[in-house]
Structure formats: structure tokens, C-alpha cells
C-alpha atoms as a PDB file:
ATOM      1  CA  MET A   1      42.553  -5.181  14.155  1.00  0.00           C
ATOM      2  CA  ALA A   2      39.074  -5.410  12.671  1.00  0.00           C
ATOM      3  CA  GLU A   3      36.772  -2.414  12.927  1.00  0.00           C
ATOM      4  CA  LEU A   4      34.819  -2.559  16.179  1.00  0.00           C
ATOM      5  CA  LEU A   5      31.139  -3.249  15.796  1.00  0.00           C
ATOM      6  CA  ASN A   6      28.643  -0.598  16.771  1.00  0.00           C
ATOM      7  CA  THR A   7      26.156  -2.756  18.670  1.00  0.00           C
ATOM      8  CA  LYS A   8      22.557  -1.876  19.497  1.00  0.00           C
ATOM      9  CA  THR A   9      20.200  -3.380  22.075  1.00  0.00           C
ATOM     10  CA  VAL A  10      16.824  -3.982  20.434  1.00  0.00           C
ATOM     11  CA  SER A  11      13.564  -5.124  22.043  1.00  0.00           C
ATOM     12  CA  TYR A  12      11.117  -7.407  20.262  1.00  0.00           C
ATOM     13  CA  SER A  13       8.591  -4.566  20.135  1.00  0.00           C
ATOM     14  CA  GLU A  14      10.938  -2.474  17.959  1.00  0.00           C
ATOM     15  CA  ARG A  15      12.520  -5.290  15.946  1.00  0.00           C
ATOM     16  CA  HIS A  16      10.780  -4.221  12.727  1.00  0.00           C
ATOM     17  CA  LYS A  17      12.997  -1.107  12.661  1.00  0.00           C
ATOM     18  CA  TYR A  18      16.184  -3.150  12.394  1.00  0.00           C
ATOM     19  CA  PHE A  19      15.196  -6.529  10.942  1.00  0.00           C
ATOM     20  CA  ASP A  20      13.321  -8.070   8.046  1.00  0.00           C
ATOM     21  CA  PHE A  21      11.599 -11.385   8.775  1.00  0.00           C
ATOM     22  CA  VAL A  22      12.603 -13.781   5.993  1.00  0.00           C
ATOM     23  CA  ASP A  23      11.852 -17.514   5.924  1.00  0.00           C
ATOM     24  CA  GLY A  24      11.423 -17.630   9.687  1.00  0.00           C
ATOM     25  CA  ASN A  25      14.637 -15.693  10.436  1.00  0.00           C
ATOM     26  CA  TYR A  26      15.381 -12.098  11.396  1.00  0.00           C
ATOM     27  CA  ILE A  27      17.751 -10.544   8.854  1.00  0.00           C
ATOM     28  CA  LYS A  28      19.466  -7.215   9.453  1.00  0.00           C
ATOM     29  CA  LYS A  29      18.164  -4.442   7.257  1.00  0.00           C
ATOM     30  CA  ASP A  30      20.541  -3.157   4.593  1.00  0.00           C
ATOM     31  CA  TRP A  31      20.927   0.232   6.276  1.00  0.00           C
ATOM     32  CA  CYS A  32      22.289  -1.508   9.406  1.00  0.00           C
ATOM     33  CA  LYS A  33      24.893  -3.319   7.339  1.00  0.00           C
ATOM     34  CA  LYS A  34      25.968  -0.121   5.595  1.00  0.00           C
ATOM     35  CA  ILE A  35      26.788   1.693   8.829  1.00  0.00           C
ATOM     36  CA  ASN A  36      28.333  -1.340  10.583  1.00  0.00           C
ATOM     37  CA  LEU A  37      25.465  -1.501  13.104  1.00  0.00           C
ATOM     38  CA  HIS A  38      24.811  -4.873  14.685  1.00  0.00           C
ATOM     39  CA  PRO A  39      21.461  -5.046  16.535  1.00  0.00           C
ATOM     40  CA  PHE A  40      21.100  -7.621  19.329  1.00  0.00           C
ATOM     41  CA  LEU A  41      17.500  -8.705  19.814  1.00  0.00           C
ATOM     42  CA  TYR A  42      15.999  -9.412  23.281  1.00  0.00           C
ATOM     43  CA  PRO A  43      12.521 -10.062  24.668  1.00  0.00           C
ATOM     44  CA  ASP A  44      11.085  -6.839  26.048  1.00  0.00           C
ATOM     45  CA  ILE A  45      10.850  -8.179  29.588  1.00  0.00           C
ATOM     46  CA  PHE A  46      14.646  -8.516  29.870  1.00  0.00           C
ATOM     47  CA  ILE A  47      15.582  -5.082  28.522  1.00  0.00           C
ATOM     48  CA  PRO A  48      15.451  -3.239  31.904  1.00  0.00           C
ATOM     49  CA  HIS A  49      17.591  -5.959  33.522  1.00  0.00           C
ATOM     50  CA  LEU A  50      20.400  -6.416  30.993  1.00  0.00           C
ATOM     51  CA  GLU A  51      22.701  -4.082  32.935  1.00  0.00           C
ATOM     52  CA  PRO A  52      22.144  -4.898  36.628  1.00  0.00           C
ATOM     53  CA  LYS A  53      22.640  -2.049  39.064  1.00  0.00           C
ATOM     54  CA  GLU A  54      23.399  -4.376  41.958  1.00  0.00           C
ATOM     55  CA  ARG A  55      26.259  -6.831  42.426  1.00  0.00           C
ATOM     56  CA  TYR A  56      23.912  -9.832  42.209  1.00  0.00           C
ATOM     57  CA  SER A  57      21.538 -10.573  39.337  1.00  0.00           C
ATOM     58  CA  VAL A  58      19.231 -13.595  39.764  1.00  0.00           C
ATOM     59  CA  TRP A  59      16.878 -14.611  36.968  1.00  0.00           C
ATOM     60  CA  VAL A  60      14.344 -17.378  37.639  1.00  0.00           C
ATOM     61  CA  GLY A  61      12.288 -18.848  34.801  1.00  0.00           C
ATOM     62  CA  GLY A  62      11.147 -22.100  33.275  1.00  0.00           C
ATOM     63  CA  ASN A  63      12.281 -23.785  30.090  1.00  0.00           C
ATOM     64  CA  GLY A  64      11.468 -21.596  27.105  1.00  0.00           C
ATOM     65  CA  SER A  65      11.665 -18.340  29.065  1.00  0.00           C
ATOM     66  CA  ALA A  66      14.805 -17.321  27.100  1.00  0.00           C
ATOM     67  CA  LYS A  67      16.575 -16.248  30.297  1.00  0.00           C
ATOM     68  CA  SER A  68      19.798 -18.184  29.624  1.00  0.00           C
ATOM     69  CA  THR A  69      19.895 -17.289  25.934  1.00  0.00           C
ATOM     70  CA  SER A  70      19.331 -13.625  26.750  1.00  0.00           C
ATOM     71  CA  LYS A  71      22.137 -13.661  29.321  1.00  0.00           C
ATOM     72  CA  ALA A  72      24.496 -15.368  26.877  1.00  0.00           C
ATOM     73  CA  ARG A  73      23.612 -12.962  24.068  1.00  0.00           C
ATOM     74  CA  ARG A  74      24.284 -10.005  26.350  1.00  0.00           C
ATOM     75  CA  PHE A  75      27.679 -11.412  27.312  1.00  0.00           C
ATOM     76  CA  ILE A  76      28.609 -11.783  23.634  1.00  0.00           C
ATOM     77  CA  GLN A  77      27.506  -8.202  23.034  1.00  0.00           C
ATOM     78  CA  ARG A  78      29.535  -6.929  25.990  1.00  0.00           C
ATOM     79  CA  ALA A  79      32.611  -8.850  24.831  1.00  0.00           C
ATOM     80  CA  LEU A  80      32.392  -6.920  21.562  1.00  0.00           C
ATOM     81  CA  GLN A  81      31.913  -3.463  23.044  1.00  0.00           C
ATOM     82  CA  LYS A  82      33.663  -3.267  26.428  1.00  0.00           C
ATOM     83  CA  LYS A  83      37.292  -2.241  26.946  1.00  0.00           C
ATOM     84  CA  HIS A  84      37.671  -4.958  29.570  1.00  0.00           C
ATOM     85  CA  PHE A  85      35.206  -7.782  30.044  1.00  0.00           C
ATOM     86  CA  ARG A  86      36.101 -11.179  31.429  1.00  0.00           C
ATOM     87  CA  LEU A  87      33.380 -13.702  32.200  1.00  0.00           C
ATOM     88  CA  LEU A  88      33.621 -16.941  34.151  1.00  0.00           C
ATOM     89  CA  PHE A  89      30.641 -19.094  33.195  1.00  0.00           C
ATOM     90  CA  LEU A  90      30.125 -22.291  35.119  1.00  0.00           C
ATOM     91  CA  ARG A  91      27.975 -25.238  36.150  1.00  0.00           C
ATOM     92  CA  HIS A  92      28.281 -27.676  39.025  1.00  0.00           C
ATOM     93  CA  ASN A  93      30.397 -29.914  36.770  1.00  0.00           C
ATOM     94  CA  HIS A  94      32.731 -28.258  34.289  1.00  0.00           C
ATOM     95  CA  ALA A  95      31.969 -30.846  31.596  1.00  0.00           C
ATOM     96  CA  ASP A  96      28.275 -29.898  31.623  1.00  0.00           C
ATOM     97  CA  ASN A  97      29.117 -26.538  30.022  1.00  0.00           C
ATOM     98  CA  ARG A  98      29.861 -28.257  26.724  1.00  0.00           C
ATOM     99  CA  SER A  99      26.245 -29.214  26.072  1.00  0.00           C
ATOM    100  CA  THR A 100      24.704 -26.130  27.722  1.00  0.00           C
ATOM    101  CA  THR A 101      26.328 -22.713  28.206  1.00  0.00           C
ATOM    102  CA  PHE A 102      29.283 -23.196  25.863  1.00  0.00           C
ATOM    103  CA  LEU A 103      26.972 -24.614  23.202  1.00  0.00           C
ATOM    104  CA  THR A 104      24.643 -21.643  23.672  1.00  0.00           C
ATOM    105  CA  PHE A 105      27.500 -19.178  23.175  1.00  0.00           C
ATOM    106  CA  LYS A 106      28.620 -20.946  19.995  1.00  0.00           C
ATOM    107  CA  GLY A 107      25.064 -20.994  18.661  1.00  0.00           C
ATOM    108  CA  ILE A 108      24.623 -17.271  19.247  1.00  0.00           C
ATOM    109  CA  ILE A 109      27.932 -16.429  17.581  1.00  0.00           C
ATOM    110  CA  LYS A 110      26.935 -18.475  14.536  1.00  0.00           C
ATOM    111  CA  LYS A 111      23.375 -17.166  14.376  1.00  0.00           C
ATOM    112  CA  GLU A 112      24.571 -13.565  14.663  1.00  0.00           C
ATOM    113  CA  GLY A 113      27.130 -14.114  11.904  1.00  0.00           C
ATOM    114  CA  LEU A 114      30.039 -13.250  14.201  1.00  0.00           C
ATOM    115  CA  GLU A 115      32.322 -16.228  13.559  1.00  0.00           C
ATOM    116  CA  ASP A 116      35.074 -13.951  12.231  1.00  0.00           C
ATOM    117  CA  ARG A 117      35.014 -11.868  15.430  1.00  0.00           C
ATOM    118  CA  PHE A 118      35.736 -14.683  17.903  1.00  0.00           C
ATOM    119  CA  HIS A 119      38.270 -17.429  18.571  1.00  0.00           C
ATOM    120  CA  ILE A 120      36.429 -20.482  19.925  1.00  0.00           C
ATOM    121  CA  LEU A 121      38.780 -22.828  21.785  1.00  0.00           C
ATOM    122  CA  GLU A 122      37.026 -26.176  22.108  1.00  0.00           C
ATOM    123  CA  SER A 123      39.300 -28.019  24.515  1.00  0.00           C
ATOM    124  CA  PRO A 124      39.378 -25.521  27.404  1.00  0.00           C
ATOM    125  CA  MET A 125      35.938 -24.152  26.365  1.00  0.00           C
ATOM    126  CA  VAL A 126      37.188 -20.577  26.137  1.00  0.00           C
ATOM    127  CA  ILE A 127      35.915 -17.883  23.764  1.00  0.00           C
ATOM    128  CA  VAL A 128      38.060 -14.844  22.913  1.00  0.00           C
ATOM    129  CA  CYS A 129      36.885 -11.727  21.087  1.00  0.00           C
ATOM    130  CA  LYS A 130      39.467 -10.954  18.396  1.00  0.00           C
ATOM    131  CA  ASP A 131      38.601  -7.240  18.346  1.00  0.00           C
ATOM    132  CA  THR A 132      38.890  -6.515  22.060  1.00  0.00           C
ATOM    133  CA  GLY A 133      40.704  -9.463  23.645  1.00  0.00           C
ATOM    134  CA  ASN A 134      37.774  -9.961  26.031  1.00  0.00           C
ATOM    135  CA  MET A 135      37.308 -13.529  27.229  1.00  0.00           C
ATOM    136  CA  LEU A 136      34.532 -15.933  28.221  1.00  0.00           C
ATOM    137  CA  ILE A 137      36.033 -18.744  30.294  1.00  0.00           C
ATOM    138  CA  SER A 138      34.281 -21.943  31.402  1.00  0.00           C
ATOM    139  CA  GLY A 139      34.529 -23.454  34.847  1.00  0.00           C
ATOM    140  CA  GLY A 140      32.855 -25.772  37.330  1.00  0.00           C
ATOM    141  CA  LEU A 141      32.577 -26.266  41.055  1.00  0.00           C
ATOM    142  CA  ASP A 142      34.339 -29.601  40.559  1.00  0.00           C
ATOM    143  CA  GLN A 143      37.517 -27.834  39.382  1.00  0.00           C
ATOM    144  CA  THR A 144      37.730 -24.575  41.300  1.00  0.00           C
ATOM    145  CA  GLY A 145      41.455 -25.085  41.872  1.00  0.00           C
ATOM    146  CA  LYS A 146      42.084 -25.000  38.126  1.00  0.00           C
ATOM    147  CA  PHE A 147      40.878 -21.431  37.710  1.00  0.00           C
ATOM    148  CA  SER A 148      41.874 -20.068  41.092  1.00  0.00           C
ATOM    149  CA  GLY A 149      44.873 -18.304  39.523  1.00  0.00           C
ATOM    150  CA  LEU A 150      42.755 -16.419  36.984  1.00  0.00           C
ATOM    151  CA  GLU A 151      42.121 -12.787  37.792  1.00  0.00           C
ATOM    152  CA  ASP A 152      40.322  -9.720  36.521  1.00  0.00           C
ATOM    153  CA  PHE A 153      36.880 -11.286  36.204  1.00  0.00           C
ATOM    154  CA  THR A 154      34.243  -8.617  35.778  1.00  0.00           C
ATOM    155  CA  ASP A 155      31.343 -11.070  35.736  1.00  0.00           C
ATOM    156  CA  ILE A 156      30.546 -14.599  36.875  1.00  0.00           C
ATOM    157  CA  TRP A 157      27.569 -16.519  35.495  1.00  0.00           C
ATOM    158  CA  PHE A 158      26.343 -19.616  37.329  1.00  0.00           C
ATOM    159  CA  GLU A 159      23.766 -21.511  35.289  1.00  0.00           C
ATOM    160  CA  GLU A 160      21.451 -23.718  37.377  1.00  0.00           C
ATOM    161  CA  PRO A 161      23.061 -23.588  40.836  1.00  0.00           C
ATOM    162  CA  ILE A 162      20.067 -25.613  42.046  1.00  0.00           C
ATOM    163  CA  THR A 163      19.307 -28.738  40.008  1.00  0.00           C
ATOM    164  CA  ARG A 164      17.222 -31.848  40.503  1.00  0.00           C
ATOM    165  CA  SER A 165      17.938 -35.248  38.976  1.00  0.00           C
ATOM    166  CA  ASN A 166      16.296 -38.547  39.931  1.00  0.00           C
ATOM    167  CA  SER A 167      14.557 -36.796  42.842  1.00  0.00           C
ATOM    168  CA  LYS A 168      17.921 -35.611  44.195  1.00  0.00           C
ATOM    169  CA  VAL A 169      18.544 -31.891  44.594  1.00  0.00           C
ATOM    170  CA  LYS A 170      22.045 -30.481  44.112  1.00  0.00           C
ATOM    171  CA  MET A 171      22.691 -26.971  45.405  1.00  0.00           C
ATOM    172  CA  ILE A 172      25.615 -24.613  45.593  1.00  0.00           C
ATOM    173  CA  THR A 173      26.695 -24.151  49.187  1.00  0.00           C
ATOM    174  CA  HIS A 174      27.096 -20.836  50.938  1.00  0.00           C
ATOM    175  CA  GLU A 175      30.854 -21.439  51.141  1.00  0.00           C
ATOM    176  CA  GLN A 176      31.078 -22.147  47.404  1.00  0.00           C
ATOM    177  CA  PHE A 177      29.096 -19.002  46.602  1.00  0.00           C
ATOM    178  CA  GLU A 178      31.358 -16.897  48.806  1.00  0.00           C
ATOM    179  CA  ASP A 179      34.429 -18.401  47.134  1.00  0.00           C
ATOM    180  CA  LEU A 180      33.113 -17.378  43.713  1.00  0.00           C
ATOM    181  CA  ASP A 181      32.102 -13.953  44.975  1.00  0.00           C
ATOM    182  CA  ARG A 182      35.661 -13.300  46.176  1.00  0.00           C
ATOM    183  CA  ARG A 183      36.923 -13.726  42.606  1.00  0.00           C
ATOM    184  CA  LEU A 184      35.060 -10.555  41.608  1.00  0.00           C
ATOM    185  CA  ARG A 185      37.652  -8.155  42.898  1.00  0.00           C
ATOM    186  CA  MET A 186      38.906  -6.141  39.933  1.00  0.00           C
ATOM    187  CA  PRO A 187      39.355  -2.524  41.118  1.00  0.00           C
ATOM    188  CA  ASN A 188      37.535   0.356  39.422  1.00  0.00           C
ATOM    189  CA  ALA A 189      35.166  -1.944  37.531  1.00  0.00           C
ATOM    190  CA  LYS A 190      31.485  -2.828  37.818  1.00  0.00           C
ATOM    191  CA  LEU A 191      31.349  -6.411  39.049  1.00  0.00           C
ATOM    192  CA  THR A 192      28.327  -8.692  38.804  1.00  0.00           C
ATOM    193  CA  MET A 193      27.435 -12.215  39.868  1.00  0.00           C
ATOM    194  CA  HIS A 194      24.744 -13.592  37.531  1.00  0.00           C
ATOM    195  CA  VAL A 195      22.558 -16.562  38.449  1.00  0.00           C
ATOM    196  CA  THR A 196      19.980 -18.234  36.190  1.00  0.00           C
ATOM    197  CA  LEU A 197      17.884 -21.120  37.414  1.00  0.00           C
ATOM    198  CA  ASN A 198      14.682 -23.013  36.847  1.00  0.00           C
ATOM    199  CA  PRO A 199      12.001 -22.744  39.558  1.00  0.00           C
ATOM    200  CA  ILE A 200      12.403 -26.183  41.147  1.00  0.00           C
ATOM    201  CA  SER A 201      10.516 -24.951  44.203  1.00  0.00           C
ATOM    202  CA  MET A 202      10.331 -21.610  45.951  1.00  0.00           C
ATOM    203  CA  PRO A 203      11.207 -23.090  49.372  1.00  0.00           C
ATOM    204  CA  HIS A 204      14.597 -24.176  47.984  1.00  0.00           C
ATOM    205  CA  ILE A 205      15.200 -20.729  46.575  1.00  0.00           C
ATOM    206  CA  ASN A 206      14.005 -18.893  49.674  1.00  0.00           C
ATOM    207  CA  HIS A 207      15.520 -20.978  52.425  1.00  0.00           C
ATOM    208  CA  ASN A 208      18.687 -22.580  51.156  1.00  0.00           C
ATOM    209  CA  SER A 209      22.030 -21.881  49.554  1.00  0.00           C
ATOM    210  CA  LEU A 210      21.283 -18.782  47.460  1.00  0.00           C
ATOM    211  CA  LYS A 211      20.924 -16.544  50.482  1.00  0.00           C
ATOM    212  CA  VAL A 212      23.703 -13.943  50.331  1.00  0.00           C
END
């Protein structure tokens, strides 16, 4: 088994301590490489919320807010450092993960230079950490029966549970949310439901399916 990485959460305000900025990219400083330290960089605003204290974590922000990328980066970091971490990441339609969440995970792994630490299984859209065995598993509301037998999820991430296309709004129902919530039942573990969405309109957020 490869040596486990010693990861570090780094805010933008302190990035100069761990990175050199070269040709538009942040490169780890030599001293980090020598001690096997891998810093993960996040916008300052997300730092206090990376480890939610409550069971439900809802992030609302527009395009370019880095909310989804920050969530995905944190999940990659946790897969590297936790003894047991199993994430179900999903969209309304399972296939939509390929061009969104799954693509984001792959991009982060490549950008962070962690290709040798993960198995990326394209067909089922599953990512496995070689060092820890932790897994990131894709899903969709259109195929809930296909992952109903999977257990031991510590986290579920629903990206865009409220979407709008051609003036039509698609929302997760209360029953669907409860069904997902029941899958977080691993004993003696901190369990979190993560939701990231764009602010389509506050009335939809306040008065519809995300009430729990």
C-alpha cells in the first residue's frame, strides 16, 4: 500500500505559505513535497463549512461561486484521509453525472496530481482511493433501485436538486429526499446530506421540496 498522504486544508489567504504561483498555476512548494504534505486549496468563505456540524449541509450559489468544486475537492481529500468514507453523488438523471460531478472529480484528481492514488471506473462512474479503499459512487433519482443494496454511505451529495430547463422546473420530492436520507444509517459514524444548488428563486427554495 502506498504511503498515506498528509493532507492540509489551506485557505486562499494563506496560499502563499504552501504554493508558488507559476504560469497561472499554483505549484506546491518544495518543502511540502519533501514531507509528503499535500495542501488542498479552498476559498476562505468555505473553510468554516467544510466539516458540517449538522446532518444537512445546503450550499446555494451562482455559477462561478466554486461551491460544487469546493465540495468535490473536500470529498477527494476525505477519501484520502478517512478510515471509512463512502459518498453517493447524484443528479436527477444518473447520466448527467458524467458531464458534471464525475467530470469535476476527475478534473480535481488530475489537477492535484493524484492519478496514482485513485482508480477511476468510467462505466459505472465510480472512483476508488487505492490507499484507503474509500469510494465515491454515482447515482441518480432515475435509478434508485440500482443502488438500493449499497450500504455504509457516510455522505450523500445531491447536485442541483432544483433545476430549470425551457421554463420548466424539476425538483426533488419530499419522498425522494426521505428515501435518500434513510440510506445514511451507518452506526457510529458522522453522516451528512450535502446539497448544492443555484439560486433559481428563493420561493422555490423556501416553500417547496427542500423542506426537511
